[in-house]
Every structure is written in structure tokens, then in C-alpha cells.
Amino acid sequence: MKITTTLATIVAVTFMGSALCHAQSPSPKQKQFERLDTDKNGEVSLEEFKARSKTPDTAEAKFARLDADKNGSLSLEEWTATEKKTPQAAE
């Protein structure tokens, strides 16, 4: 009985540790956002967005579509919420 309990505990701890590691891995979209956020303030400004854009001529229009709350910067939530809606400037 003691061996079964010990074994069950080891298995449970192993699975919890594995889940914790996976939960902390940033998604590709989050990594992309972090690369765009050059001043590391948690938001991407229009200037940061344009600097990394592959299409600078359309960057302002794309930025405006992504900026859901129209505050002049992109949050991680705005960036990831639009994943399927619009092509990203800095892929």
C-alpha cells in the first residue's frame, strides 16, 4: 500500500511539473509581441510596429485595425485576439 501511494505521488508531481513548464512557455504570438516591444513596456507603439513592419506603407492602417481600444498602442491581448483576423506586420 505504501509503495502504491508513493508511486502515485511521484506520478502526480511529475505531471504537475510538466504542466507547469508548458504553461510558462510563451506562444509564438507572444514571442513576436515581445520582439516588437523594443522598449519592454508591455505595449507596442505605432513607431515600434512600423520599425519592424515588412510593409511600411500599410503599417499604419494595420496598426489601426489591431488597436481595438484605440489608445495608440497594442497590448498583448489585442495582438493575440486578432491572430486570425488580419495579417501581422512583423511576422
Protein backbone atom coordinates (compact mmCIF):
# COMPACT_ATOMS: atom_id res chain seq x y z
CA MET A 1 0.00 0.00 0.00
CA LYS A 2 2.82 2.36 0.91
CA ILE A 3 4.56 1.70 -2.43
CA THR A 4 1.35 2.40 -4.37
CA THR A 5 0.84 5.71 -2.57
CA THR A 6 4.45 6.72 -3.12
CA LEU A 7 4.29 5.78 -6.80
CA ALA A 8 1.03 7.70 -7.26
CA THR A 9 2.57 10.76 -5.60
CA ILE A 10 5.64 10.62 -7.86
CA VAL A 11 3.48 10.33 -10.98
CA ALA A 12 1.24 13.22 -9.87
CA VAL A 13 4.20 15.50 -9.13
CA THR A 14 5.78 14.64 -12.49
CA PHE A 15 2.60 15.54 -14.38
CA MET A 16 2.15 18.77 -12.43
CA GLY A 17 5.73 19.80 -13.15
CA SER A 18 5.29 19.05 -16.84
CA ALA A 19 2.05 21.05 -17.00
CA LEU A 20 3.70 23.97 -15.22
CA CYS A 21 6.56 24.03 -17.74
CA HIS A 22 4.16 24.02 -20.66
CA ALA A 23 2.01 26.75 -19.13
CA GLN A 24 5.00 29.07 -18.85
CA SER A 25 6.15 28.60 -22.46
CA PRO A 26 5.26 31.71 -24.43
CA SER A 27 3.24 31.19 -27.59
CA PRO A 28 4.67 32.19 -30.97
CA LYS A 29 2.38 35.23 -30.95
CA GLN A 30 3.65 36.25 -27.52
CA LYS A 31 7.27 35.86 -28.64
CA GLN A 32 6.50 38.00 -31.68
CA PHE A 33 4.89 40.64 -29.47
CA GLU A 34 7.92 40.67 -27.18
CA ARG A 35 10.23 41.22 -30.17
CA LEU A 36 8.09 44.13 -31.35
CA ASP A 37 8.01 45.71 -27.87
CA THR A 38 11.55 47.07 -28.08
CA ASP A 39 11.27 49.33 -25.02
CA LYS A 40 9.78 46.43 -23.00
CA ASN A 41 6.92 48.47 -21.53
CA GLY A 42 4.30 45.81 -22.28
CA GLU A 43 2.80 47.69 -25.22
CA VAL A 44 3.71 48.10 -28.88
CA SER A 45 3.60 51.66 -30.15
CA LEU A 46 2.99 52.65 -33.76
CA GLU A 47 6.68 53.51 -34.07
CA GLU A 48 7.75 50.08 -32.80
CA PHE A 49 5.25 48.44 -35.13
CA LYS A 50 6.39 50.41 -38.17
CA ALA A 51 10.07 49.78 -37.42
CA ARG A 52 9.58 46.00 -37.69
CA SER A 53 6.95 46.02 -40.44
CA LYS A 54 7.62 44.22 -43.69
CA THR A 55 5.12 46.54 -45.35
CA PRO A 56 5.77 50.06 -44.01
CA ASP A 57 3.36 51.64 -46.50
CA THR A 58 0.39 49.81 -44.94
CA ALA A 59 1.66 49.61 -41.35
CA GLU A 60 -0.48 52.50 -40.04
CA ALA A 61 -3.69 51.00 -41.40
CA LYS A 62 -2.85 47.55 -39.98
CA PHE A 63 -1.94 49.11 -36.64
CA ALA A 64 -5.28 50.97 -36.54
CA ARG A 65 -7.18 47.70 -37.15
CA LEU A 66 -5.24 45.91 -34.40
CA ASP A 67 -5.64 48.73 -31.85
CA ALA A 68 -9.10 47.66 -30.68
CA ASP A 69 -9.37 50.18 -27.83
CA LYS A 70 -7.89 53.00 -29.97
CA ASN A 71 -5.43 54.11 -27.27
CA GLY A 72 -2.48 54.38 -29.65
CA SER A 73 -0.69 51.22 -28.53
CA LEU A 74 -1.17 47.48 -28.84
CA SER A 75 -1.48 45.24 -25.81
CA LEU A 76 -0.66 41.54 -25.87
CA GLU A 77 -4.40 40.86 -25.68
CA GLU A 78 -5.06 42.97 -28.77
CA TRP A 79 -2.14 41.35 -30.58
CA THR A 80 -3.27 37.78 -29.90
CA ALA A 81 -7.01 38.45 -30.33
CA THR A 82 -6.52 39.37 -33.96
CA GLU A 83 -4.49 36.31 -34.86
CA LYS A 84 -6.96 35.07 -37.47
CA LYS A 85 -8.49 38.41 -38.45
CA THR A 86 -5.60 40.28 -40.06
CA PRO A 87 -2.11 39.52 -41.30
CA GLN A 88 0.58 40.70 -38.89
CA ALA A 89 3.13 43.30 -39.90
CA ALA A 90 6.19 41.72 -38.32
CA GLU A 91 5.95 38.01 -38.93
